[in-house]
Amino acid sequence: MATTTQHRPAAVQRQQWRAAEALFHPVAAAPATGKVRVVPTGAGDRTGGCPACGSPLPIAPVRSRNRTARAIEHDWHCSACDHDWTTTDAVSVVAGPRYPVGTMVKLVIPYGSRRPPAAPFEVIALRPSENGGMQYRIRSPDESFERIASEGELEPVPGRGA
């Protein structure tokens, strides 16, 4: 004979499934649920407060989801007036390497260092960086070795493979 305690885990699983499903499906139309659509400004989502009562925004959105490759939609909830609204935040495109393999560049070393070689360098390979910036393996035809340079230490050589 089944008891109510045996049926509870299934109900809990259904609730968890519905909550997870809600994360991946679009929100219903605004008039039916009272949800307001807010157009973002250049400052992003945190441009003021609740559109209904003006109280400060919560620290984090209730739910966020990717709408496209370049837009994230956030659902907010105001605990002061129990109002819900949605905002869309634009995501910047991740930039690729500035100098592709085979590009001719010149080495620019900051002040206080030795004078950089005048010969142009060819980008041989891209390297991952520890500090988040792009690094390049470069080689000069006048030298028998290769160098590692960060993107800030290089400038394009005008009219040569750039």
N, C-alpha and C. Protein backbone atom coordinates (compact mmCIF):
# COMPACT_ATOMS: atom_id res chain seq x y z
N MET A 1 0.83 -1.17 0.00
CA MET A 1 0.00 0.00 0.00
C MET A 1 0.89 1.24 0.00
N ALA A 2 0.53 2.19 -0.82
CA ALA A 2 1.33 3.40 -0.95
C ALA A 2 0.90 4.43 0.08
N THR A 3 1.85 5.10 0.63
CA THR A 3 1.55 6.19 1.55
C THR A 3 1.90 7.52 0.89
N THR A 4 1.49 8.59 1.53
CA THR A 4 1.76 9.92 0.94
C THR A 4 3.25 10.24 0.91
N THR A 5 4.01 9.67 1.83
CA THR A 5 5.44 9.95 1.83
C THR A 5 6.13 9.33 0.62
N GLN A 6 5.57 8.24 0.08
CA GLN A 6 6.16 7.64 -1.09
C GLN A 6 5.89 8.47 -2.34
N HIS A 7 4.80 9.24 -2.36
CA HIS A 7 4.46 10.04 -3.53
C HIS A 7 5.13 11.42 -3.51
N ARG A 8 5.58 11.86 -2.38
CA ARG A 8 6.18 13.18 -2.29
C ARG A 8 7.42 13.36 -3.15
N PRO A 9 8.33 12.39 -3.19
CA PRO A 9 9.52 12.62 -4.02
C PRO A 9 9.18 12.90 -5.48
N ALA A 10 8.15 12.26 -6.01
CA ALA A 10 7.77 12.52 -7.40
C ALA A 10 7.27 13.95 -7.56
N ALA A 11 6.50 14.43 -6.60
CA ALA A 11 6.01 15.81 -6.66
C ALA A 11 7.17 16.80 -6.58
N VAL A 12 8.11 16.51 -5.73
CA VAL A 12 9.29 17.38 -5.60
C VAL A 12 10.08 17.36 -6.90
N GLN A 13 10.22 16.19 -7.51
CA GLN A 13 10.93 16.10 -8.78
C GLN A 13 10.23 16.89 -9.86
N ARG A 14 8.88 16.85 -9.90
CA ARG A 14 8.13 17.64 -10.87
C ARG A 14 8.36 19.13 -10.66
N GLN A 15 8.36 19.56 -9.41
CA GLN A 15 8.60 20.98 -9.12
C GLN A 15 9.99 21.39 -9.57
N GLN A 16 10.98 20.54 -9.29
CA GLN A 16 12.35 20.85 -9.71
C GLN A 16 12.44 20.89 -11.23
N TRP A 17 11.75 19.95 -11.91
CA TRP A 17 11.79 19.93 -13.36
C TRP A 17 11.15 21.18 -13.93
N ARG A 18 10.00 21.60 -13.36
CA ARG A 18 9.33 22.81 -13.84
C ARG A 18 10.19 24.04 -13.61
N ALA A 19 10.88 24.09 -12.49
CA ALA A 19 11.76 25.24 -12.23
C ALA A 19 12.91 25.26 -13.22
N ALA A 20 13.48 24.08 -13.52
CA ALA A 20 14.57 24.02 -14.49
C ALA A 20 14.06 24.33 -15.89
N GLU A 21 12.86 23.87 -16.23
CA GLU A 21 12.29 24.14 -17.54
C GLU A 21 12.03 25.63 -17.72
N ALA A 22 11.62 26.31 -16.67
CA ALA A 22 11.34 27.74 -16.74
C ALA A 22 12.60 28.54 -17.06
N LEU A 23 13.75 28.03 -16.70
CA LEU A 23 15.00 28.74 -17.00
C LEU A 23 15.29 28.77 -18.49
N PHE A 24 14.81 27.80 -19.24
CA PHE A 24 15.17 27.69 -20.65
C PHE A 24 14.05 28.08 -21.61
N HIS A 25 12.87 28.41 -21.12
CA HIS A 25 11.77 28.82 -21.97
C HIS A 25 11.49 30.30 -21.80
N PRO A 26 11.05 30.96 -22.86
CA PRO A 26 10.79 32.39 -22.74
C PRO A 26 9.67 32.70 -21.75
N VAL A 27 9.71 33.90 -21.23
CA VAL A 27 8.70 34.35 -20.29
C VAL A 27 7.43 34.64 -21.06
N ALA A 28 6.27 34.44 -20.45
CA ALA A 28 4.99 34.70 -21.10
C ALA A 28 4.86 36.17 -21.46
N ALA A 29 3.87 36.49 -22.26
CA ALA A 29 3.66 37.87 -22.70
C ALA A 29 3.47 38.80 -21.50
N ALA A 30 3.91 40.03 -21.64
CA ALA A 30 3.91 40.98 -20.53
C ALA A 30 2.52 41.28 -19.97
N PRO A 31 1.47 41.56 -20.77
CA PRO A 31 0.19 41.93 -20.17
C PRO A 31 -0.44 40.82 -19.34
N ALA A 32 -0.24 39.55 -19.70
CA ALA A 32 -0.89 38.46 -18.98
C ALA A 32 -0.34 38.31 -17.57
N THR A 33 0.95 38.56 -17.35
CA THR A 33 1.56 38.35 -16.04
C THR A 33 1.92 39.64 -15.34
N GLY A 34 1.72 40.78 -15.98
CA GLY A 34 2.11 42.04 -15.36
C GLY A 34 3.59 42.32 -15.49
N LYS A 35 4.28 41.55 -16.31
CA LYS A 35 5.72 41.72 -16.49
C LYS A 35 5.97 42.89 -17.44
N VAL A 36 6.90 43.74 -17.09
CA VAL A 36 7.21 44.93 -17.88
C VAL A 36 8.54 44.71 -18.58
N ARG A 37 8.63 45.13 -19.84
CA ARG A 37 9.86 45.02 -20.61
C ARG A 37 10.58 46.35 -20.54
N VAL A 38 11.83 46.34 -20.10
CA VAL A 38 12.62 47.56 -19.97
C VAL A 38 13.72 47.53 -21.01
N VAL A 39 13.84 48.60 -21.78
CA VAL A 39 14.90 48.69 -22.78
C VAL A 39 16.16 49.18 -22.09
N PRO A 40 17.29 48.48 -22.26
CA PRO A 40 18.51 48.89 -21.55
C PRO A 40 19.09 50.18 -22.13
N THR A 41 19.83 50.88 -21.31
CA THR A 41 20.55 52.07 -21.76
C THR A 41 22.02 51.71 -21.87
N GLY A 42 22.86 52.68 -22.14
CA GLY A 42 24.29 52.43 -22.26
C GLY A 42 24.92 51.98 -20.96
N ALA A 43 24.28 52.24 -19.82
CA ALA A 43 24.83 51.85 -18.52
C ALA A 43 24.51 50.41 -18.17
N GLY A 44 23.79 49.68 -19.00
CA GLY A 44 23.45 48.29 -18.71
C GLY A 44 22.13 48.19 -17.98
N ASP A 45 21.94 47.12 -17.22
CA ASP A 45 20.67 46.87 -16.56
C ASP A 45 20.44 47.72 -15.31
N ARG A 46 21.45 48.12 -14.63
CA ARG A 46 21.30 48.78 -13.33
C ARG A 46 21.27 50.29 -13.50
N THR A 47 20.22 50.80 -14.12
CA THR A 47 20.16 52.22 -14.44
C THR A 47 19.27 53.01 -13.50
N GLY A 48 18.72 52.43 -12.50
CA GLY A 48 17.85 53.17 -11.61
C GLY A 48 17.25 52.25 -10.58
N GLY A 49 15.98 51.99 -10.72
CA GLY A 49 15.31 51.13 -9.77
C GLY A 49 14.13 50.45 -10.41
N CYS A 50 13.22 50.03 -9.57
CA CYS A 50 12.01 49.37 -10.03
C CYS A 50 11.21 50.35 -10.88
N PRO A 51 10.77 49.96 -12.08
CA PRO A 51 10.00 50.87 -12.92
C PRO A 51 8.66 51.27 -12.29
N ALA A 52 8.15 50.46 -11.37
CA ALA A 52 6.85 50.75 -10.77
C ALA A 52 6.96 51.67 -9.56
N CYS A 53 7.87 51.35 -8.61
CA CYS A 53 7.92 52.12 -7.36
C CYS A 53 9.20 52.93 -7.20
N GLY A 54 10.23 52.68 -8.01
CA GLY A 54 11.47 53.45 -7.95
C GLY A 54 12.44 53.00 -6.88
N SER A 55 12.16 51.92 -6.16
CA SER A 55 13.11 51.45 -5.15
C SER A 55 14.34 50.88 -5.85
N PRO A 56 15.51 50.86 -5.17
CA PRO A 56 16.74 50.36 -5.80
C PRO A 56 16.59 48.92 -6.27
N LEU A 57 17.33 48.58 -7.32
CA LEU A 57 17.28 47.23 -7.87
C LEU A 57 17.86 46.22 -6.90
N PRO A 58 17.45 44.97 -6.99
CA PRO A 58 18.08 43.93 -6.18
C PRO A 58 19.53 43.74 -6.61
N ILE A 59 20.29 43.05 -5.78
CA ILE A 59 21.71 42.84 -6.07
C ILE A 59 21.89 42.00 -7.32
N ALA A 60 21.06 41.00 -7.52
CA ALA A 60 21.20 40.11 -8.67
C ALA A 60 19.82 39.82 -9.26
N PRO A 61 19.78 39.52 -10.57
CA PRO A 61 18.49 39.17 -11.17
C PRO A 61 17.98 37.84 -10.63
N VAL A 62 16.67 37.67 -10.70
CA VAL A 62 16.05 36.42 -10.26
C VAL A 62 16.44 35.29 -11.21
N ARG A 63 16.49 35.60 -12.51
CA ARG A 63 16.81 34.60 -13.53
C ARG A 63 17.47 35.31 -14.70
N SER A 64 18.41 34.63 -15.35
CA SER A 64 19.07 35.16 -16.55
C SER A 64 19.14 34.06 -17.59
N ARG A 65 19.06 34.46 -18.87
CA ARG A 65 19.17 33.47 -19.94
C ARG A 65 19.71 34.15 -21.19
N ASN A 66 20.39 33.37 -22.01
CA ASN A 66 20.92 33.88 -23.28
C ASN A 66 19.80 33.89 -24.30
N ARG A 67 19.51 35.06 -24.85
CA ARG A 67 18.49 35.17 -25.89
C ARG A 67 19.12 34.94 -27.26
N THR A 68 20.28 35.54 -27.50
CA THR A 68 21.05 35.34 -28.73
C THR A 68 22.50 35.26 -28.31
N ALA A 69 23.38 35.16 -29.30
CA ALA A 69 24.81 35.11 -28.98
C ALA A 69 25.29 36.43 -28.39
N ARG A 70 24.55 37.52 -28.62
CA ARG A 70 25.00 38.83 -28.16
C ARG A 70 24.05 39.50 -27.18
N ALA A 71 23.09 38.78 -26.63
CA ALA A 71 22.15 39.40 -25.70
C ALA A 71 21.78 38.43 -24.57
N ILE A 72 21.78 38.95 -23.36
CA ILE A 72 21.37 38.19 -22.18
C ILE A 72 20.14 38.88 -21.60
N GLU A 73 19.12 38.09 -21.32
CA GLU A 73 17.89 38.64 -20.77
C GLU A 73 17.85 38.35 -19.27
N HIS A 74 17.52 39.36 -18.46
CA HIS A 74 17.47 39.23 -17.00
C HIS A 74 16.05 39.48 -16.52
N ASP A 75 15.57 38.64 -15.61
CA ASP A 75 14.29 38.85 -14.95
C ASP A 75 14.58 39.38 -13.55
N TRP A 76 13.89 40.46 -13.17
CA TRP A 76 14.09 41.11 -11.88
C TRP A 76 12.79 41.03 -11.08
N HIS A 77 12.91 41.10 -9.76
CA HIS A 77 11.74 41.11 -8.88
C HIS A 77 11.97 42.15 -7.79
N CYS A 78 11.02 43.06 -7.62
CA CYS A 78 11.10 44.08 -6.58
C CYS A 78 10.39 43.55 -5.33
N SER A 79 11.13 43.40 -4.26
CA SER A 79 10.52 42.89 -3.03
C SER A 79 9.67 43.95 -2.34
N ALA A 80 9.89 45.23 -2.66
CA ALA A 80 9.11 46.29 -2.01
C ALA A 80 7.67 46.32 -2.52
N CYS A 81 7.48 46.21 -3.85
CA CYS A 81 6.12 46.32 -4.40
C CYS A 81 5.66 45.04 -5.10
N ASP A 82 6.48 43.98 -5.05
CA ASP A 82 6.15 42.69 -5.67
C ASP A 82 5.93 42.82 -7.18
N HIS A 83 6.77 43.63 -7.82
CA HIS A 83 6.68 43.88 -9.26
C HIS A 83 7.78 43.11 -9.98
N ASP A 84 7.48 42.54 -11.14
CA ASP A 84 8.46 41.81 -11.96
C ASP A 84 8.72 42.58 -13.24
N TRP A 85 9.97 42.57 -13.72
CA TRP A 85 10.29 43.16 -15.02
C TRP A 85 11.48 42.46 -15.63
N THR A 86 11.67 42.67 -16.92
CA THR A 86 12.73 42.01 -17.68
C THR A 86 13.57 43.06 -18.38
N THR A 87 14.88 42.84 -18.39
CA THR A 87 15.79 43.71 -19.13
C THR A 87 16.66 42.86 -20.03
N THR A 88 17.21 43.47 -21.05
CA THR A 88 18.11 42.78 -21.96
C THR A 88 19.44 43.52 -21.97
N ASP A 89 20.52 42.79 -21.74
CA ASP A 89 21.85 43.36 -21.68
C ASP A 89 22.65 42.88 -22.88
N ALA A 90 23.26 43.80 -23.61
CA ALA A 90 24.08 43.43 -24.77
C ALA A 90 25.42 42.90 -24.30
N VAL A 91 25.91 41.86 -24.97
CA VAL A 91 27.19 41.25 -24.65
C VAL A 91 28.17 41.63 -25.75
N SER A 92 29.36 42.08 -25.36
CA SER A 92 30.34 42.45 -26.36
C SER A 92 30.93 41.20 -27.02
N VAL A 93 31.31 41.36 -28.25
CA VAL A 93 31.89 40.26 -29.00
C VAL A 93 33.35 40.10 -28.58
N VAL A 94 33.76 38.88 -28.36
CA VAL A 94 35.15 38.62 -27.98
C VAL A 94 36.03 38.87 -29.19
N ALA A 95 37.00 39.73 -29.01
CA ALA A 95 37.89 40.08 -30.11
C ALA A 95 38.93 38.98 -30.32
N GLY A 96 39.25 38.73 -31.56
CA GLY A 96 40.27 37.76 -31.88
C GLY A 96 41.65 38.39 -31.85
N PRO A 97 42.64 37.71 -32.37
CA PRO A 97 43.98 38.28 -32.37
C PRO A 97 44.07 39.49 -33.30
N ARG A 98 44.82 40.48 -32.89
CA ARG A 98 44.98 41.69 -33.70
C ARG A 98 45.89 41.43 -34.89
N TYR A 99 46.89 40.60 -34.67
CA TYR A 99 47.86 40.29 -35.73
C TYR A 99 47.78 38.81 -36.07
N PRO A 100 47.24 38.44 -37.24
CA PRO A 100 47.20 37.02 -37.60
C PRO A 100 48.60 36.50 -37.95
N VAL A 101 48.73 35.19 -37.98
CA VAL A 101 50.00 34.56 -38.31
C VAL A 101 50.42 35.00 -39.71
N GLY A 102 51.69 35.36 -39.86
CA GLY A 102 52.22 35.81 -41.14
C GLY A 102 52.29 37.32 -41.27
N THR A 103 51.70 38.06 -40.36
CA THR A 103 51.71 39.52 -40.41
C THR A 103 53.09 40.04 -40.01
N MET A 104 53.53 41.09 -40.69
CA MET A 104 54.80 41.74 -40.35
C MET A 104 54.52 42.84 -39.33
N VAL A 105 55.27 42.83 -38.23
CA VAL A 105 55.10 43.80 -37.15
C VAL A 105 56.46 44.34 -36.74
N LYS A 106 56.44 45.46 -36.01
CA LYS A 106 57.68 45.95 -35.42
C LYS A 106 57.54 45.92 -33.91
N LEU A 107 58.65 45.73 -33.23
CA LEU A 107 58.67 45.61 -31.79
C LEU A 107 58.81 46.99 -31.17
N VAL A 108 57.93 47.33 -30.26
CA VAL A 108 57.96 48.62 -29.56
C VAL A 108 58.14 48.31 -28.09
N ILE A 109 59.29 48.70 -27.53
CA ILE A 109 59.59 48.40 -26.14
C ILE A 109 59.35 49.67 -25.32
N PRO A 110 58.76 49.57 -24.13
CA PRO A 110 58.48 50.76 -23.32
C PRO A 110 59.75 51.52 -22.94
N TYR A 111 59.56 52.76 -22.48
CA TYR A 111 60.68 53.61 -22.08
C TYR A 111 61.51 52.96 -20.99
N GLY A 112 62.80 53.25 -20.98
CA GLY A 112 63.70 52.72 -19.97
C GLY A 112 64.30 51.39 -20.33
N SER A 113 63.88 50.79 -21.42
CA SER A 113 64.44 49.51 -21.84
C SER A 113 65.46 49.74 -22.94
N ARG A 114 66.07 48.66 -23.36
CA ARG A 114 67.01 48.77 -24.48
C ARG A 114 66.26 49.15 -25.73
N ARG A 115 66.99 49.68 -26.68
CA ARG A 115 66.40 50.06 -27.96
C ARG A 115 65.97 48.79 -28.72
N PRO A 116 64.77 48.76 -29.25
CA PRO A 116 64.31 47.55 -29.96
C PRO A 116 65.00 47.42 -31.32
N PRO A 117 65.10 46.21 -31.83
CA PRO A 117 65.67 46.02 -33.17
C PRO A 117 64.81 46.72 -34.22
N ALA A 118 65.46 47.27 -35.23
CA ALA A 118 64.75 48.02 -36.27
C ALA A 118 64.12 47.10 -37.32
N ALA A 119 64.62 45.89 -37.46
CA ALA A 119 64.12 44.97 -38.49
C ALA A 119 62.68 44.55 -38.17
N PRO A 120 61.84 44.38 -39.19
CA PRO A 120 60.47 43.91 -38.94
C PRO A 120 60.47 42.44 -38.50
N PHE A 121 59.46 42.08 -37.75
CA PHE A 121 59.29 40.72 -37.27
C PHE A 121 58.06 40.11 -37.93
N GLU A 122 58.10 38.81 -38.11
CA GLU A 122 56.94 38.09 -38.65
C GLU A 122 56.27 37.33 -37.51
N VAL A 123 54.95 37.39 -37.44
CA VAL A 123 54.21 36.64 -36.42
C VAL A 123 54.22 35.17 -36.84
N ILE A 124 54.79 34.33 -35.97
CA ILE A 124 54.92 32.89 -36.26
C ILE A 124 53.74 32.10 -35.68
N ALA A 125 53.35 32.44 -34.45
CA ALA A 125 52.26 31.70 -33.79
C ALA A 125 51.63 32.55 -32.70
N LEU A 126 50.40 32.20 -32.34
CA LEU A 126 49.70 32.84 -31.23
C LEU A 126 49.93 31.99 -29.99
N ARG A 127 50.00 32.64 -28.84
CA ARG A 127 50.21 31.92 -27.58
C ARG A 127 49.18 32.36 -26.55
N PRO A 128 48.78 31.46 -25.67
CA PRO A 128 47.92 31.89 -24.56
C PRO A 128 48.73 32.71 -23.58
N SER A 129 48.05 33.58 -22.86
CA SER A 129 48.74 34.45 -21.93
C SER A 129 48.27 34.20 -20.51
N GLU A 130 49.15 34.42 -19.56
CA GLU A 130 48.79 34.26 -18.15
C GLU A 130 47.94 35.43 -17.66
N ASN A 131 48.14 36.62 -18.22
CA ASN A 131 47.44 37.81 -17.73
C ASN A 131 46.20 38.15 -18.54
N GLY A 132 45.79 37.30 -19.46
CA GLY A 132 44.57 37.53 -20.23
C GLY A 132 44.78 38.20 -21.57
N GLY A 133 45.91 38.86 -21.80
CA GLY A 133 46.18 39.49 -23.09
C GLY A 133 46.72 38.49 -24.09
N MET A 134 46.73 38.88 -25.35
CA MET A 134 47.23 38.00 -26.40
C MET A 134 48.75 38.10 -26.46
N GLN A 135 49.42 36.97 -26.66
CA GLN A 135 50.87 36.94 -26.84
C GLN A 135 51.18 36.29 -28.18
N TYR A 136 52.30 36.69 -28.76
CA TYR A 136 52.70 36.23 -30.09
C TYR A 136 54.13 35.72 -30.05
N ARG A 137 54.39 34.68 -30.85
CA ARG A 137 55.76 34.25 -31.13
C ARG A 137 56.16 34.97 -32.40
N ILE A 138 57.25 35.75 -32.35
CA ILE A 138 57.68 36.52 -33.52
C ILE A 138 59.12 36.15 -33.85
N ARG A 139 59.47 36.34 -35.14
CA ARG A 139 60.83 36.01 -35.60
C ARG A 139 61.27 37.07 -36.60
N SER A 140 62.53 37.45 -36.48
CA SER A 140 63.13 38.40 -37.42
C SER A 140 64.07 37.63 -38.34
N PRO A 141 64.12 38.02 -39.62
CA PRO A 141 65.06 37.34 -40.52
C PRO A 141 66.52 37.59 -40.15
N ASP A 142 66.80 38.65 -39.37
CA ASP A 142 68.17 38.99 -38.97
C ASP A 142 68.63 38.24 -37.73
N GLU A 143 67.73 37.54 -37.04
CA GLU A 143 68.08 36.86 -35.80
C GLU A 143 67.84 35.36 -35.94
N SER A 144 68.61 34.57 -35.19
CA SER A 144 68.49 33.12 -35.27
C SER A 144 67.53 32.55 -34.23
N PHE A 145 66.89 33.40 -33.45
CA PHE A 145 65.99 32.94 -32.40
C PHE A 145 64.63 33.63 -32.54
N GLU A 146 63.65 33.10 -31.82
CA GLU A 146 62.31 33.68 -31.81
C GLU A 146 62.08 34.40 -30.48
N ARG A 147 61.16 35.34 -30.49
CA ARG A 147 60.82 36.10 -29.29
C ARG A 147 59.35 35.90 -28.96
N ILE A 148 59.01 36.18 -27.71
CA ILE A 148 57.61 36.21 -27.26
C ILE A 148 57.31 37.67 -26.94
N ALA A 149 56.22 38.19 -27.52
CA ALA A 149 55.84 39.58 -27.29
C ALA A 149 54.34 39.66 -27.04
N SER A 150 53.95 40.56 -26.16
CA SER A 150 52.52 40.78 -25.93
C SER A 150 51.99 41.73 -27.00
N GLU A 151 50.68 41.80 -27.12
CA GLU A 151 50.05 42.60 -28.15
C GLU A 151 50.39 44.08 -28.01
N GLY A 152 50.57 44.56 -26.78
CA GLY A 152 50.90 45.96 -26.54
C GLY A 152 52.31 46.33 -26.96
N GLU A 153 53.18 45.35 -27.14
CA GLU A 153 54.57 45.62 -27.54
C GLU A 153 54.76 45.58 -29.04
N LEU A 154 53.69 45.38 -29.80
CA LEU A 154 53.80 45.26 -31.26
C LEU A 154 53.00 46.35 -31.96
N GLU A 155 53.49 46.75 -33.12
CA GLU A 155 52.78 47.67 -34.01
C GLU A 155 52.87 47.12 -35.42
N PRO A 156 51.85 47.34 -36.25
CA PRO A 156 51.92 46.84 -37.63
C PRO A 156 52.94 47.62 -38.44
N VAL A 157 53.58 46.93 -39.36
CA VAL A 157 54.50 47.58 -40.30
C VAL A 157 53.65 48.01 -41.49
N PRO A 158 53.62 49.31 -41.81
CA PRO A 158 52.76 49.78 -42.91
C PRO A 158 53.12 49.12 -44.24
N GLY A 159 52.08 48.62 -44.93
CA GLY A 159 52.25 48.06 -46.27
C GLY A 159 52.94 46.73 -46.35
N ARG A 160 53.07 45.98 -45.24
CA ARG A 160 53.75 44.68 -45.29
C ARG A 160 52.93 43.61 -44.60
N GLY A 161 51.98 43.04 -45.30
CA GLY A 161 51.23 41.89 -44.79
C GLY A 161 50.26 42.21 -43.67
N ALA A 162 49.94 43.48 -43.45
CA ALA A 162 49.00 43.81 -42.37
C ALA A 162 47.61 44.05 -42.91
